[in-house]
């Protein structure tokens, strides 16, 4: 079950690290980013440390705000955020043609919310790949509580060098996860290697859209806010992702920014102009109250020093995401379906 209380949030900040190490970890994480003197090359060179620190620090906040599935979704009028997230996961499963008995890999699985939903929806066995020990520990417990621990498991590893033999899986998917890769081509090549010939890889990618102008300072600032607030080395364009897929050997069956067809803006849960009881904690007011609560918890010694700083950079990320969405320069749901040829060229 998703952690929902203030004390659950406080207890989870820092993940597996000691509570007295949280504040220094925040400082080390911040130094990877432009606002604090870092640069893209440094982030890519140290992506494993950067992403691990990010999820140790942020996972508790994510689960408090989002529940067990940490991703956006196209949303219909009258549909709750939770319903839209489930539908988004089912859509991916249907595109992959998942069927009972298939062996599936979830790349960058978080605490396994999509993994559990897709496994129950499609009757498949899923391995979740994650390089963060805290998220794996949490996901393992949630698998047990959900009763899927016999069919779903986690493997701690880097998706740039996966510990699986060639041609292991019947399907592979990634939900807003491979954006953390320092090199899309290298990541897609590894996915290609472990996927069986004739089978498919599907993903929702975080991308800058064709409306993004790299010479526009306002656009640059938004992109930077998203990177610092979400643990990203760089946000690539959809074109770059598709080219990397082709270079890795995949046949791209189709790709589309699903945000363009969403009746409600994908960023509406975070938007100050909108109010929703079903996603109250993600709204501007909800984030303000969360920040105030974290400040009290940290002052009282119930949350480790540095917790408020984590809340602050996540708040900046939310603002960057909303602005990126409003200006249509960023999408968290560029979808593609790609197939590994039966006969490799």
Protein backbone atom coordinates (compact mmCIF):
# COMPACT_ATOMS: atom_id res chain seq x y z
CA UNK A 1 0.00 0.00 0.00
CA UNK A 2 1.25 3.47 -0.77
CA UNK A 3 2.57 5.36 2.21
CA UNK A 4 0.20 8.20 2.95
CA UNK A 5 1.00 9.64 6.36
CA UNK A 6 3.33 12.44 7.41
CA UNK A 7 5.44 10.11 9.54
CA UNK A 8 5.71 7.63 6.65
CA UNK A 9 7.01 10.46 4.48
CA UNK A 10 9.51 11.56 7.12
CA UNK A 11 10.73 8.01 7.75
CA UNK A 12 11.40 7.40 4.07
CA UNK A 13 13.46 10.51 3.26
CA UNK A 14 17.00 9.42 2.46
CA UNK A 15 16.12 5.86 1.54
CA UNK A 16 18.85 3.50 2.72
CA UNK A 17 21.28 6.23 3.77
CA UNK A 18 21.74 7.22 7.40
CA UNK A 19 19.54 10.13 8.40
CA UNK A 20 22.54 12.27 9.33
CA UNK A 21 23.83 11.84 5.77
CA UNK A 22 20.74 13.24 4.04
CA UNK A 23 21.75 16.91 4.02
CA UNK A 24 25.22 16.23 2.63
CA UNK A 25 23.65 13.96 -0.02
CA UNK A 26 21.38 16.84 -1.07
CA UNK A 27 24.43 19.09 -1.43
CA UNK A 28 26.29 16.48 -3.49
CA UNK A 29 23.26 15.94 -5.71
CA UNK A 30 22.74 19.66 -6.30
CA UNK A 31 26.36 20.12 -7.40
CA UNK A 32 25.69 18.01 -10.50
CA UNK A 33 23.38 20.69 -11.90
CA UNK A 34 23.85 24.01 -13.67
CA UNK A 35 22.27 26.10 -10.92
CA UNK A 36 24.99 24.88 -8.58
CA UNK A 37 27.97 24.88 -10.95
CA UNK A 38 27.51 21.47 -12.56
CA UNK A 39 27.20 20.59 -16.24
CA UNK A 40 25.83 17.94 -18.57
CA UNK A 41 29.17 16.14 -18.98
CA UNK A 42 29.53 15.71 -15.22
CA UNK A 43 25.99 14.42 -14.89
CA UNK A 44 26.52 11.87 -17.63
CA UNK A 45 29.87 10.73 -16.22
CA UNK A 46 28.40 10.25 -12.74
CA UNK A 47 24.83 9.36 -13.66
CA UNK A 48 24.71 6.26 -11.42
CA UNK A 49 25.56 8.22 -8.28
CA UNK A 50 23.36 11.15 -9.29
CA UNK A 51 20.27 9.05 -10.02
CA UNK A 52 20.73 6.88 -6.92
CA UNK A 53 21.00 9.94 -4.69
CA UNK A 54 17.96 11.44 -6.38
CA UNK A 55 15.74 8.42 -5.72
CA UNK A 56 17.04 7.89 -2.18
CA UNK A 57 16.03 11.48 -1.46
CA UNK A 58 12.84 11.74 -3.53
CA UNK A 59 11.09 8.35 -3.41
CA UNK A 60 9.27 9.02 -0.14
CA UNK A 61 7.91 12.30 -1.54
CA UNK A 62 6.87 10.57 -4.77
CA UNK A 63 4.98 7.85 -2.96
CA UNK A 64 3.32 10.41 -0.67
CA UNK A 65 2.12 12.46 -3.65
CA UNK A 66 1.63 9.98 -6.49
CA UNK A 67 1.04 6.60 -4.88
CA UNK A 68 2.87 3.56 -6.26
CA UNK A 69 3.14 4.60 -9.94
CA UNK A 70 5.45 7.55 -10.51
CA UNK A 71 4.37 8.76 -13.93
CA UNK A 72 2.01 11.05 -15.85
CA UNK A 73 -0.80 9.98 -18.18
CA UNK A 74 -3.20 11.42 -20.77
CA UNK A 75 -6.43 12.16 -18.93
CA UNK A 76 -10.08 12.30 -19.97
CA UNK A 77 -12.59 14.78 -18.56
CA UNK A 78 -14.17 13.23 -15.46
CA UNK A 79 -11.36 10.70 -15.08
CA UNK A 80 -9.34 10.63 -11.86
CA UNK A 81 -5.54 10.74 -11.92
CA UNK A 82 -5.41 7.18 -10.57
CA UNK A 83 -7.75 5.91 -13.30
CA UNK A 84 -5.74 7.64 -16.02
CA UNK A 85 -2.48 6.15 -14.73
CA UNK A 86 -3.93 2.63 -14.81
CA UNK A 87 -5.29 3.15 -18.33
CA UNK A 88 -1.88 4.43 -19.46
CA UNK A 89 -0.27 1.24 -18.14
CA UNK A 90 -2.92 -0.98 -19.76
CA UNK A 91 -2.43 0.80 -23.09
CA UNK A 92 1.28 -0.06 -23.03
CA UNK A 93 0.54 -3.70 -22.18
CA UNK A 94 -1.93 -3.96 -25.07
CA UNK A 95 0.52 -2.37 -27.52
CA UNK A 96 3.09 -5.00 -26.56
CA UNK A 97 0.52 -7.78 -26.98
CA UNK A 98 1.28 -9.21 -23.55
CA UNK A 99 -0.22 -12.64 -22.92
CA UNK A 100 -0.19 -15.24 -20.16
CA UNK A 101 3.17 -16.97 -19.83
CA UNK A 102 5.32 -14.22 -21.36
CA UNK A 103 8.51 -13.16 -19.60
CA UNK A 104 8.66 -9.37 -19.40
CA UNK A 105 11.27 -6.81 -18.30
CA UNK A 106 10.40 -3.44 -16.74
CA UNK A 107 13.35 -1.06 -17.18
CA UNK A 108 13.73 1.42 -14.29
CA UNK A 109 10.71 0.05 -12.43
CA UNK A 110 10.62 2.38 -9.40
CA UNK A 111 8.80 0.72 -6.50
CA UNK A 112 6.89 -1.44 -8.98
CA UNK A 113 3.44 0.17 -9.26
CA UNK A 114 3.19 -0.33 -13.07
CA UNK A 115 4.82 -3.76 -12.76
CA UNK A 116 2.11 -5.00 -10.40
CA UNK A 117 -0.73 -3.47 -12.43
CA UNK A 118 0.51 -4.83 -15.77
CA UNK A 119 1.23 -8.28 -14.32
CA UNK A 120 -2.32 -8.59 -12.99
CA UNK A 121 -3.83 -7.10 -16.16
CA UNK A 122 -1.93 -9.37 -18.59
CA UNK A 123 -1.15 -12.48 -16.50
CA UNK A 124 2.58 -12.20 -17.20
CA UNK A 125 5.73 -12.59 -15.13
CA UNK A 126 7.68 -9.35 -14.82
CA UNK A 127 11.21 -8.64 -13.68
CA UNK A 128 11.74 -5.09 -12.51
CA UNK A 129 15.23 -3.69 -13.13
CA UNK A 130 16.33 -0.96 -10.75
CA UNK A 131 19.69 0.30 -9.50
CA UNK A 132 18.30 1.80 -6.28
CA UNK A 133 18.38 -0.52 -3.27
CA UNK A 134 15.78 1.41 -1.29
CA UNK A 135 13.20 1.26 -4.08
CA UNK A 136 13.79 -2.47 -4.54
CA UNK A 137 13.31 -3.11 -0.82
CA UNK A 138 10.10 -1.10 -0.83
CA UNK A 139 8.87 -2.73 -4.06
CA UNK A 140 9.53 -6.24 -2.74
CA UNK A 141 7.34 -5.55 0.28
CA UNK A 142 4.58 -4.09 -1.92
CA UNK A 143 4.75 -7.16 -4.20
CA UNK A 144 4.22 -9.37 -1.16
CA UNK A 145 1.26 -7.30 0.04
CA UNK A 146 -0.28 -7.37 -3.45
CA UNK A 147 0.20 -11.15 -3.77
CA UNK A 148 2.36 -10.99 -6.91
CA UNK A 149 5.65 -11.97 -5.26
CA UNK A 150 5.55 -15.40 -6.93
CA UNK A 151 5.37 -13.98 -10.46
CA UNK A 152 7.17 -10.64 -10.12
CA UNK A 153 10.66 -9.93 -8.87
CA UNK A 154 13.33 -7.23 -8.84
CA UNK A 155 16.95 -7.23 -9.98
CA UNK A 156 19.37 -4.56 -8.81
CA UNK A 157 21.44 -3.49 -11.81
CA UNK A 158 22.33 -0.67 -14.17
CA UNK A 159 20.27 -0.65 -17.38
CA UNK A 160 23.43 0.33 -19.28
CA UNK A 161 24.92 -3.11 -18.46
CA UNK A 162 22.21 -5.61 -17.59
CA UNK A 163 23.06 -9.00 -16.01
CA UNK A 164 20.88 -11.05 -18.38
CA UNK A 165 21.88 -13.38 -21.24
CA UNK A 166 21.09 -12.37 -24.81
CA UNK A 167 17.52 -13.02 -26.03
CA UNK A 168 16.02 -13.49 -22.55
CA UNK A 169 12.72 -11.58 -22.60
CA UNK A 170 9.50 -11.78 -24.63
CA UNK A 171 8.84 -8.06 -24.15
CA UNK A 172 10.54 -5.04 -22.60
CA UNK A 173 9.04 -1.73 -21.54
CA UNK A 174 10.13 1.48 -19.80
CA UNK A 175 7.85 4.10 -18.29
CA UNK A 176 9.51 7.51 -17.93
CA UNK A 177 12.74 5.78 -16.89
CA UNK A 178 15.29 5.62 -19.73
CA UNK A 179 15.41 9.43 -19.64
CA UNK A 180 17.91 8.82 -16.81
CA UNK A 181 20.32 7.09 -19.21
CA UNK A 182 23.46 9.09 -20.00
CA UNK A 183 23.40 7.71 -23.56
CA UNK A 184 20.15 6.66 -25.26
CA UNK A 185 21.92 4.55 -27.88
CA UNK A 186 23.86 2.58 -25.28
CA UNK A 187 20.71 1.97 -23.26
CA UNK A 188 18.66 0.88 -26.28
CA UNK A 189 21.45 -1.44 -27.42
CA UNK A 190 21.31 -3.26 -24.08
CA UNK A 191 17.53 -3.57 -24.35
CA UNK A 192 17.91 -4.87 -27.90
CA UNK A 193 20.44 -7.47 -26.69
CA UNK A 194 18.21 -8.99 -23.96
CA UNK A 195 15.02 -8.96 -26.09
CA UNK A 196 14.18 -12.04 -28.13
CA UNK A 197 14.14 -11.68 -31.96
CA UNK A 198 10.75 -10.67 -33.33
CA UNK A 199 9.64 -9.21 -29.98
CA UNK A 200 8.90 -5.62 -28.99
CA UNK A 201 10.12 -2.81 -26.77
CA UNK A 202 7.70 -0.02 -25.80
CA UNK A 203 8.38 3.11 -23.80
CA UNK A 204 7.10 6.44 -22.60
CA UNK A 205 10.03 8.86 -22.95
CA UNK A 206 10.58 12.32 -21.49
CA UNK A 207 11.45 14.51 -24.47
CA UNK A 208 11.83 18.08 -25.58
CA UNK A 209 9.36 18.68 -28.41
CA UNK A 210 9.87 20.35 -31.78
CA UNK A 211 8.73 23.62 -30.16
CA UNK A 212 11.81 23.71 -27.92
CA UNK A 213 14.31 26.39 -28.97
CA UNK A 214 17.80 25.71 -27.54
CA UNK A 215 18.70 29.37 -28.10
CA UNK A 216 15.74 30.63 -26.06
CA UNK A 217 16.88 31.42 -22.50
CA UNK A 218 13.41 30.89 -21.03
CA UNK A 219 13.29 27.45 -22.68
CA UNK A 220 16.79 26.67 -21.40
CA UNK A 221 15.73 27.56 -17.85
CA UNK A 222 12.68 25.30 -18.01
CA UNK A 223 14.77 22.40 -19.32
CA UNK A 224 17.32 22.95 -16.54
CA UNK A 225 14.60 23.03 -13.84
CA UNK A 226 13.28 19.69 -15.10
CA UNK A 227 16.77 18.16 -15.07
CA UNK A 228 17.71 19.34 -11.57
CA UNK A 229 14.33 18.43 -10.11
CA UNK A 230 14.07 14.99 -11.68
CA UNK A 231 17.60 13.55 -11.65
CA UNK A 232 18.24 13.77 -15.39
CA UNK A 233 21.60 14.04 -17.18
CA UNK A 234 19.90 15.65 -20.20
CA UNK A 235 16.44 15.76 -21.78
CA UNK A 236 16.67 14.51 -25.36
CA UNK A 237 14.38 15.27 -28.28
CA UNK A 238 11.94 12.69 -29.66
CA UNK A 239 13.95 12.70 -32.89
CA UNK A 240 17.14 11.80 -30.99
CA UNK A 241 15.35 8.89 -29.29
CA UNK A 242 13.97 7.51 -32.55
CA UNK A 243 17.35 7.78 -34.26
CA UNK A 244 19.01 5.98 -31.34
CA UNK A 245 16.45 3.16 -31.59
CA UNK A 246 17.20 2.69 -35.29
CA UNK A 247 20.96 2.76 -34.69
CA UNK A 248 20.53 0.14 -31.97
CA UNK A 249 18.94 -2.14 -34.58
CA UNK A 250 15.23 -1.72 -33.83
CA UNK A 251 12.48 -1.36 -36.39
CA UNK A 252 10.32 1.53 -35.14
CA UNK A 253 6.69 0.51 -35.67
CA UNK A 254 5.24 3.83 -34.57
CA UNK A 255 5.85 6.78 -32.29
CA UNK A 256 3.72 9.68 -31.11
CA UNK A 257 3.55 12.33 -28.40
CA UNK A 258 0.42 11.15 -26.58
CA UNK A 259 0.20 14.48 -24.75
CA UNK A 260 -1.12 16.11 -27.92
CA UNK A 261 -4.33 14.03 -27.74
CA UNK A 262 -4.96 14.41 -24.00
CA UNK A 263 -8.33 16.15 -23.36
CA UNK A 264 -6.90 17.47 -20.07
CA UNK A 265 -3.30 18.73 -19.99
CA UNK A 266 -0.93 16.04 -18.71
CA UNK A 267 0.49 18.57 -16.23
CA UNK A 268 -2.93 19.47 -14.76
CA UNK A 269 -2.27 17.62 -11.44
CA UNK A 270 0.59 20.08 -10.80
CA UNK A 271 -1.04 23.21 -12.26
CA UNK A 272 -1.86 26.10 -9.92
CA UNK A 273 -4.76 27.06 -12.20
CA UNK A 274 -6.53 23.78 -11.56
CA UNK A 275 -7.83 22.14 -8.41
CA UNK A 276 -8.49 18.44 -7.86
CA UNK A 277 -9.46 16.55 -4.74
CA UNK A 278 -8.29 13.27 -6.29
CA UNK A 279 -4.72 14.58 -6.67
CA UNK A 280 -4.76 17.28 -3.99
CA UNK A 281 -1.22 16.63 -2.76
CA UNK A 282 0.17 17.40 -6.20
CA UNK A 283 -1.63 20.72 -6.56
CA UNK A 284 0.05 24.02 -5.71
CA UNK A 285 -1.84 24.23 -2.40
CA UNK A 286 -1.10 20.59 -1.64
CA UNK A 287 2.61 21.06 -2.33
CA UNK A 288 2.65 24.19 -0.15
CA UNK A 289 1.06 22.26 2.74
CA UNK A 290 3.49 19.36 2.22
CA UNK A 291 6.43 21.77 2.34
CA UNK A 292 5.09 23.34 5.55
CA UNK A 293 4.56 19.89 7.07
CA UNK A 294 8.09 18.80 6.16
CA UNK A 295 9.48 21.99 7.72
CA UNK A 296 7.69 21.18 10.99
CA UNK A 297 8.81 17.54 10.89
CA UNK A 298 12.42 18.54 10.27
CA UNK A 299 12.34 21.14 13.06
CA UNK A 300 10.89 18.54 15.45
CA UNK A 301 13.61 16.05 14.53
CA UNK A 302 11.16 13.56 13.00
CA UNK A 303 12.48 14.16 9.49
CA UNK A 304 16.24 14.30 8.83
CA UNK A 305 18.02 17.61 8.21
CA UNK A 306 17.88 18.33 4.48
CA UNK A 307 14.30 17.10 4.00
CA UNK A 308 13.02 20.61 3.33
CA UNK A 309 15.71 21.10 0.68
CA UNK A 310 14.51 17.95 -1.06
CA UNK A 311 10.96 19.28 -0.98
CA UNK A 312 12.20 22.56 -2.46
CA UNK A 313 13.98 21.08 -5.47
CA UNK A 314 10.98 18.85 -6.18
CA UNK A 315 8.81 21.97 -6.07
CA UNK A 316 11.09 23.60 -8.64
CA UNK A 317 10.77 20.49 -10.79
CA UNK A 318 6.98 20.75 -10.66
CA UNK A 319 7.13 24.39 -11.75
CA UNK A 320 9.48 23.51 -14.62
CA UNK A 321 7.23 20.66 -15.76
CA UNK A 322 4.13 22.86 -15.75
CA UNK A 323 5.86 25.62 -17.70
CA UNK A 324 7.29 23.09 -20.14
CA UNK A 325 3.80 21.71 -20.65
CA UNK A 326 2.12 25.07 -21.05
CA UNK A 327 4.65 26.17 -23.66
CA UNK A 328 4.44 22.72 -25.32
CA UNK A 329 8.24 22.39 -25.33
CA UNK A 330 8.33 19.25 -23.16
CA UNK A 331 6.41 15.98 -22.97
CA UNK A 332 6.70 13.10 -20.47
CA UNK A 333 4.85 10.71 -22.75
CA UNK A 334 6.43 10.38 -26.14
CA UNK A 335 5.37 6.80 -26.87
CA UNK A 336 7.11 4.43 -29.23
CA UNK A 337 6.77 0.77 -30.11
CA UNK A 338 9.86 -0.86 -31.64
CA UNK A 339 10.57 -4.42 -32.74
CA UNK A 340 13.75 -6.45 -32.81
CA UNK A 341 13.91 -8.07 -36.27
CA UNK A 342 13.57 -11.84 -36.49
CA UNK A 343 16.67 -11.89 -38.67
CA UNK A 344 19.21 -9.34 -37.52
CA UNK A 345 20.92 -7.27 -40.19
